[in-house]
C-alpha atoms as a PDB file:
ATOM      1  CA  MET A   1     -22.695 -68.841   3.838  1.00  0.00           C
ATOM      2  CA  ASP A   2     -23.607 -65.200   3.955  1.00  0.00           C
ATOM      3  CA  GLU A   3     -24.108 -64.871   0.250  1.00  0.00           C
ATOM      4  CA  GLY A   4     -27.850 -64.213   0.431  1.00  0.00           C
ATOM      5  CA  ILE A   5     -27.679 -61.261   2.867  1.00  0.00           C
ATOM      6  CA  PRO A   6     -27.213 -57.886   1.188  1.00  0.00           C
ATOM      7  CA  THR A   7     -24.774 -55.502   2.835  1.00  0.00           C
ATOM      8  CA  SER A   8     -24.340 -51.738   2.324  1.00  0.00           C
ATOM      9  CA  PRO A   9     -21.019 -50.604   0.939  1.00  0.00           C
ATOM     10  CA  THR A  10     -18.846 -48.964   3.568  1.00  0.00           C
ATOM     11  CA  THR A  11     -15.315 -47.755   3.831  1.00  0.00           C
ATOM     12  CA  PRO A  12     -12.841 -50.051   5.551  1.00  0.00           C
ATOM     13  CA  GLY A  13     -13.179 -49.788   9.304  1.00  0.00           C
ATOM     14  CA  ASP A  14     -16.563 -48.015   9.062  1.00  0.00           C
ATOM     15  CA  THR A  15     -19.189 -49.669  11.195  1.00  0.00           C
ATOM     16  CA  THR A  16     -21.964 -47.091  10.814  1.00  0.00           C
ATOM     17  CA  GLY A  17     -22.200 -46.654   7.094  1.00  0.00           C
ATOM     18  CA  SER A  18     -22.722 -42.806   7.477  1.00  0.00           C
ATOM     19  CA  ALA A  19     -19.253 -41.404   6.699  1.00  0.00           C
ATOM     20  CA  PRO A  20     -20.189 -39.735   3.388  1.00  0.00           C
ATOM     21  CA  SER A  21     -23.017 -37.713   4.943  1.00  0.00           C
ATOM     22  CA  LEU A  22     -20.771 -36.527   7.794  1.00  0.00           C
ATOM     23  CA  LEU A  23     -18.154 -35.339   5.317  1.00  0.00           C
ATOM     24  CA  GLN A  24     -20.775 -33.457   3.337  1.00  0.00           C
ATOM     25  CA  GLY A  25     -22.024 -31.746   6.526  1.00  0.00           C
ATOM     26  CA  ASP A  26     -18.489 -30.641   7.446  1.00  0.00           C
ATOM     27  CA  GLU A  27     -17.905 -29.257   3.960  1.00  0.00           C
ATOM     28  CA  ALA A  28     -21.196 -27.326   4.036  1.00  0.00           C
ATOM     29  CA  GLY A  29     -20.325 -25.846   7.455  1.00  0.00           C
ATOM     30  CA  ALA A  30     -16.859 -24.832   6.270  1.00  0.00           C
ATOM     31  CA  ALA A  31     -18.337 -23.202   3.180  1.00  0.00           C
ATOM     32  CA  ALA A  32     -20.832 -21.255   5.336  1.00  0.00           C
ATOM     33  CA  ARG A  33     -18.016 -20.120   7.634  1.00  0.00           C
ATOM     34  CA  ARG A  34     -15.981 -18.971   4.630  1.00  0.00           C
ATOM     35  CA  ARG A  35     -18.965 -16.984   3.316  1.00  0.00           C
ATOM     36  CA  ARG A  36     -19.485 -15.302   6.710  1.00  0.00           C
ATOM     37  CA  SER A  37     -15.767 -14.490   6.945  1.00  0.00           C
ATOM     38  CA  ARG A  38     -15.821 -12.960   3.434  1.00  0.00           C
ATOM     39  CA  SER A  39     -18.923 -10.927   4.317  1.00  0.00           C
ATOM     40  CA  ARG A  40     -17.251  -9.584   7.462  1.00  0.00           C
ATOM     41  CA  ARG A  41     -14.075  -8.667   5.567  1.00  0.00           C
ATOM     42  CA  THR A  42     -16.117  -6.939   2.877  1.00  0.00           C
ATOM     43  CA  LEU A  43     -18.038  -4.979   5.522  1.00  0.00           C
ATOM     44  CA  VAL A  44     -14.847  -3.896   7.345  1.00  0.00           C
ATOM     45  CA  VAL A  45     -13.098  -2.898   4.099  1.00  0.00           C
ATOM     46  CA  GLY A  46     -16.204  -0.971   2.983  1.00  0.00           C
ATOM     47  CA  ALA A  47     -16.375   0.892   6.316  1.00  0.00           C
ATOM     48  CA  LEU A  48     -12.666   1.804   6.085  1.00  0.00           C
ATOM     49  CA  VAL A  49     -13.013   3.037   2.502  1.00  0.00           C
ATOM     50  CA  LEU A  50     -16.068   5.103   3.469  1.00  0.00           C
ATOM     51  CA  SER A  51     -14.194   6.614   6.439  1.00  0.00           C
ATOM     52  CA  VAL A  52     -11.177   7.542   4.305  1.00  0.00           C
ATOM     53  CA  LEU A  53     -13.339   9.074   1.566  1.00  0.00           C
ATOM     54  CA  SER A  54     -15.438  11.030   4.100  1.00  0.00           C
ATOM     55  CA  GLY A  55     -12.312  12.361   5.830  1.00  0.00           C
ATOM     56  CA  ALA A  56     -10.720  13.351   2.530  1.00  0.00           C
ATOM     57  CA  ALA A  57     -13.897  15.085   1.339  1.00  0.00           C
ATOM     58  CA  GLY A  58     -14.239  16.958   4.643  1.00  0.00           C
ATOM     59  CA  GLY A  59     -10.604  18.057   4.508  1.00  0.00           C
ATOM     60  CA  LEU A  60     -10.907  19.291   0.930  1.00  0.00           C
ATOM     61  CA  ILE A  61     -14.119  21.213   1.666  1.00  0.00           C
ATOM     62  CA  GLY A  62     -12.646  22.711   4.854  1.00  0.00           C
ATOM     63  CA  GLY A  63      -9.482  23.762   3.033  1.00  0.00           C
ATOM     64  CA  TYR A  64     -11.504  25.354   0.240  1.00  0.00           C
ATOM     65  CA  LEU A  65     -13.672  27.283   2.706  1.00  0.00           C
ATOM     66  CA  GLU A  66     -10.589  28.445   4.631  1.00  0.00           C
ATOM     67  CA  ARG A  67      -8.890  29.689   1.435  1.00  0.00           C
ATOM     68  CA  THR A  68     -11.950  31.406   0.012  1.00  0.00           C
ATOM     69  CA  GLY A  69     -13.283  32.844   3.254  1.00  0.00           C
ATOM     70  CA  GLY A  70     -16.360  30.619   3.436  1.00  0.00           C
ATOM     71  CA  LEU A  71     -19.643  30.732   1.631  1.00  0.00           C
ATOM     72  CA  GLU A  72     -20.614  34.230   2.715  1.00  0.00           C
ATOM     73  CA  ALA A  73     -19.195  37.249   4.497  1.00  0.00           C
ATOM     74  CA  VAL A  74     -18.594  36.970   8.225  1.00  0.00           C
ATOM     75  CA  GLN A  75     -21.194  38.897  10.193  1.00  0.00           C
ATOM     76  CA  LEU A  76     -20.325  39.500  13.814  1.00  0.00           C
ATOM     77  CA  PRO A  77     -23.073  40.439  16.251  1.00  0.00           C
ATOM     78  CA  GLN A  78     -23.630  44.157  16.649  1.00  0.00           C
ATOM     79  CA  PRO A  79     -24.742  45.709  19.934  1.00  0.00           C
ATOM     80  CA  GLY A  80     -28.053  47.481  20.078  1.00  0.00           C
ATOM     81  CA  PRO A  81     -28.433  50.908  21.613  1.00  0.00           C
ATOM     82  CA  PRO A  82     -28.059  50.958  25.387  1.00  0.00           C
ATOM     83  CA  PRO A  83     -31.322  50.946  27.288  1.00  0.00           C
ATOM     84  CA  PRO A  84     -32.554  54.424  28.301  1.00  0.00           C
ATOM     85  CA  GLY A  85     -31.552  55.629  31.716  1.00  0.00           C
ATOM     86  CA  ARG A  86     -28.193  53.852  31.839  1.00  0.00           C
ATOM     87  CA  PRO A  87     -25.145  55.992  32.670  1.00  0.00           C
ATOM     88  CA  PRO A  88     -22.674  56.391  29.763  1.00  0.00           C
ATOM     89  CA  GLY A  89     -19.863  54.684  31.690  1.00  0.00           C
ATOM     90  CA  ASP A  90     -21.662  51.411  32.474  1.00  0.00           C
ATOM     91  CA  ALA A  91     -20.531  48.070  30.990  1.00  0.00           C
ATOM     92  CA  THR A  92     -23.045  48.099  28.123  1.00  0.00           C
ATOM     93  CA  GLY A  93     -21.984  51.549  26.958  1.00  0.00           C
ATOM     94  CA  VAL A  94     -18.291  50.693  27.208  1.00  0.00           C
ATOM     95  CA  ALA A  95     -18.805  47.461  25.238  1.00  0.00           C
ATOM     96  CA  ALA A  96     -20.800  49.262  22.524  1.00  0.00           C
ATOM     97  CA  ARG A  97     -18.015  51.840  22.109  1.00  0.00           C
ATOM     98  CA  ALA A  98     -15.246  49.202  22.148  1.00  0.00           C
ATOM     99  CA  LEU A  99     -16.770  46.730  19.685  1.00  0.00           C
ATOM    100  CA  PRO A 100     -15.821  48.571  16.445  1.00  0.00           C
ATOM    101  CA  SER A 101     -12.187  48.457  17.584  1.00  0.00           C
ATOM    102  CA  VAL A 102     -12.098  44.733  18.422  1.00  0.00           C
ATOM    103  CA  VAL A 103     -10.952  42.296  15.721  1.00  0.00           C
ATOM    104  CA  THR A 104     -10.524  38.552  15.244  1.00  0.00           C
ATOM    105  CA  LEU A 105      -7.287  37.157  13.845  1.00  0.00           C
ATOM    106  CA  HIS A 106      -7.120  33.915  11.848  1.00  0.00           C
ATOM    107  CA  VAL A 107      -3.547  32.649  11.593  1.00  0.00           C
ATOM    108  CA  THR A 108      -2.331  29.770   9.399  1.00  0.00           C
ATOM    109  CA  GLY A 109       1.200  28.433   9.310  1.00  0.00           C
ATOM    110  CA  ALA A 110       2.657  27.198   6.034  1.00  0.00           C
ATOM    111  CA  GLY A 111       2.528  23.416   5.549  1.00  0.00           C
ATOM    112  CA  THR A 112       1.895  21.828   8.930  1.00  0.00           C
ATOM    113  CA  GLY A 113       2.851  24.985  10.819  1.00  0.00           C
ATOM    114  CA  GLY A 114      -0.436  25.002  12.755  1.00  0.00           C
ATOM    115  CA  GLN A 115      -3.367  27.340  13.062  1.00  0.00           C
ATOM    116  CA  ALA A 116      -4.564  29.809  15.655  1.00  0.00           C
ATOM    117  CA  THR A 117      -7.439  32.170  16.229  1.00  0.00           C
ATOM    118  CA  GLY A 118      -7.411  35.089  18.621  1.00  0.00           C
ATOM    119  CA  THR A 119      -8.592  38.594  19.236  1.00  0.00           C
ATOM    120  CA  GLY A 120      -6.947  41.971  19.170  1.00  0.00           C
ATOM    121  CA  PHE A 121      -7.819  45.638  19.012  1.00  0.00           C
ATOM    122  CA  VAL A 122      -7.056  48.537  16.710  1.00  0.00           C
ATOM    123  CA  LEU A 123      -4.254  50.729  18.051  1.00  0.00           C
ATOM    124  CA  ASP A 124      -4.340  53.571  15.510  1.00  0.00           C
ATOM    125  CA  THR A 125      -5.844  54.722  12.214  1.00  0.00           C
ATOM    126  CA  ARG A 126      -2.793  53.456  10.295  1.00  0.00           C
ATOM    127  CA  GLY A 127      -3.966  49.865  10.776  1.00  0.00           C
ATOM    128  CA  ARG A 128      -1.778  48.618  13.601  1.00  0.00           C
ATOM    129  CA  ILE A 129      -3.443  46.004  15.821  1.00  0.00           C
ATOM    130  CA  LEU A 130      -2.355  44.717  19.220  1.00  0.00           C
ATOM    131  CA  THR A 131      -2.786  40.984  19.884  1.00  0.00           C
ATOM    132  CA  ASN A 132      -1.016  38.099  21.651  1.00  0.00           C
ATOM    133  CA  ASN A 133       2.296  36.651  20.512  1.00  0.00           C
ATOM    134  CA  HIS A 134       1.009  33.076  20.798  1.00  0.00           C
ATOM    135  CA  VAL A 135      -1.796  33.913  18.349  1.00  0.00           C
ATOM    136  CA  VAL A 136       0.566  35.010  15.555  1.00  0.00           C
ATOM    137  CA  ALA A 137       3.298  32.450  16.374  1.00  0.00           C
ATOM    138  CA  PRO A 138       2.262  29.928  13.649  1.00  0.00           C
ATOM    139  CA  ALA A 139       2.620  32.607  10.972  1.00  0.00           C
ATOM    140  CA  VAL A 140       5.968  33.834  12.341  1.00  0.00           C
ATOM    141  CA  SER A 141       7.591  30.413  12.826  1.00  0.00           C
ATOM    142  CA  ALA A 142       6.176  28.695   9.728  1.00  0.00           C
ATOM    143  CA  GLY A 143       5.904  31.578   7.254  1.00  0.00           C
ATOM    144  CA  GLY A 144       2.123  31.493   7.161  1.00  0.00           C
ATOM    145  CA  ARG A 145      -0.511  34.179   6.786  1.00  0.00           C
ATOM    146  CA  ILE A 146      -2.701  36.329   9.019  1.00  0.00           C
ATOM    147  CA  THR A 147      -6.229  37.444   8.176  1.00  0.00           C
ATOM    148  CA  VAL A 148      -8.012  40.031  10.319  1.00  0.00           C
ATOM    149  CA  THR A 149     -11.820  40.143  10.560  1.00  0.00           C
ATOM    150  CA  PHE A 150     -13.360  43.422  11.723  1.00  0.00           C
ATOM    151  CA  SER A 151     -16.653  43.900  13.568  1.00  0.00           C
ATOM    152  CA  SER A 152     -18.289  44.893  10.262  1.00  0.00           C
ATOM    153  CA  GLY A 153     -17.405  41.478   8.788  1.00  0.00           C
ATOM    154  CA  ALA A 154     -14.742  42.908   6.443  1.00  0.00           C
ATOM    155  CA  THR A 155     -11.435  41.036   6.271  1.00  0.00           C
ATOM    156  CA  ALA A 156      -7.894  42.127   5.441  1.00  0.00           C
ATOM    157  CA  PRO A 157      -4.450  40.491   5.316  1.00  0.00           C
ATOM    158  CA  ALA A 158      -1.909  41.479   7.955  1.00  0.00           C
ATOM    159  CA  THR A 159       1.790  41.115   8.714  1.00  0.00           C
ATOM    160  CA  VAL A 160       3.671  41.068  12.019  1.00  0.00           C
ATOM    161  CA  VAL A 161       5.588  44.280  12.707  1.00  0.00           C
ATOM    162  CA  GLY A 162       6.660  43.626  16.294  1.00  0.00           C
ATOM    163  CA  LEU A 163       6.414  41.006  19.026  1.00  0.00           C
ATOM    164  CA  ASP A 164       7.537  40.221  22.543  1.00  0.00           C
ATOM    165  CA  ALA A 165       7.331  36.564  23.564  1.00  0.00           C
ATOM    166  CA  GLY A 166       8.104  37.404  27.208  1.00  0.00           C
ATOM    167  CA  TYR A 167       5.005  39.579  27.590  1.00  0.00           C
ATOM    168  CA  ASP A 168       3.051  37.538  24.994  1.00  0.00           C
ATOM    169  CA  LEU A 169       2.333  40.661  22.931  1.00  0.00           C
ATOM    170  CA  ALA A 170       2.466  41.274  19.193  1.00  0.00           C
ATOM    171  CA  VAL A 171       1.578  44.099  16.809  1.00  0.00           C
ATOM    172  CA  VAL A 172       0.325  43.355  13.302  1.00  0.00           C
ATOM    173  CA  GLN A 173      -0.259  45.736  10.424  1.00  0.00           C
ATOM    174  CA  VAL A 174      -3.356  45.368   8.257  1.00  0.00           C
ATOM    175  CA  HIS A 175      -3.240  46.418   4.633  1.00  0.00           C
ATOM    176  CA  GLY A 176      -5.843  48.006   2.389  1.00  0.00           C
ATOM    177  CA  VAL A 177      -8.281  49.095   5.111  1.00  0.00           C
ATOM    178  CA  GLN A 178      -9.316  52.657   5.921  1.00  0.00           C
ATOM    179  CA  GLY A 179     -11.627  54.297   8.432  1.00  0.00           C
ATOM    180  CA  LEU A 180     -10.488  52.207  11.392  1.00  0.00           C
ATOM    181  CA  THR A 181     -11.628  53.111  14.900  1.00  0.00           C
ATOM    182  CA  PRO A 182      -8.761  52.893  17.439  1.00  0.00           C
ATOM    183  CA  LEU A 183      -9.652  51.705  20.925  1.00  0.00           C
ATOM    184  CA  PRO A 184      -9.191  54.621  23.362  1.00  0.00           C
ATOM    185  CA  LEU A 185      -6.587  53.782  25.997  1.00  0.00           C
ATOM    186  CA  GLY A 186      -6.051  55.563  29.293  1.00  0.00           C
ATOM    187  CA  SER A 187      -7.846  58.609  30.630  1.00  0.00           C
ATOM    188  CA  PRO A 188      -8.287  61.948  28.865  1.00  0.00           C
ATOM    189  CA  GLY A 189      -5.732  64.471  30.026  1.00  0.00           C
ATOM    190  CA  GLY A 190      -3.787  61.753  31.830  1.00  0.00           C
ATOM    191  CA  ARG A 191      -5.882  62.014  34.992  1.00  0.00           C
ATOM    192  CA  PRO A 192      -6.152  58.561  36.603  1.00  0.00           C
ATOM    193  CA  GLY A 193      -9.669  57.590  37.473  1.00  0.00           C
ATOM    194  CA  SER A 194     -11.444  60.036  35.177  1.00  0.00           C
ATOM    195  CA  SER A 195     -14.020  58.566  32.815  1.00  0.00           C
ATOM    196  CA  ASP A 196     -13.471  58.402  29.065  1.00  0.00           C
ATOM    197  CA  ARG A 197     -16.140  60.487  27.348  1.00  0.00           C
ATOM    198  CA  ASN A 198     -14.698  60.377  23.789  1.00  0.00           C
END
């Protein structure tokens, strides 16, 4: 009796006749989500690769500069002449006289033995330099190396010749350097309180 009424084909139990379009919409949404997830993963992996490569390049460049002493010679600031009218014993005059005797030590331990930088001063014309024990400790404990930079910018290798951990003092010996200016210690003639006019 219903033979003359056309009906749309549906799946069993489907009363709306729209199941195929819903399935297509779900598949399109899932495909879009998969594309977004892939894009995010690609972005994260790219950022990690870039970070690793940047860190490796920075480490290699830093290691090269440390081994070769950098791109150019170290130039430490030099004091100008003291202003006229200042007494010879004032802070500016003392600093100007002391600067040629002050050095910087760069210490590197072997392997992962650590690094340190510190200051010291020239004790005598034979190249002995007084510094702190904790500055040279990476070279002593890990068999590393010590490089001394003078106020002129010249550098020289050094070795530890004595240390005292209790007082945090160490003496290093530089090699291949002449014309050093020792830092005057004490008062001339042993008179406490007298000014140093050397």
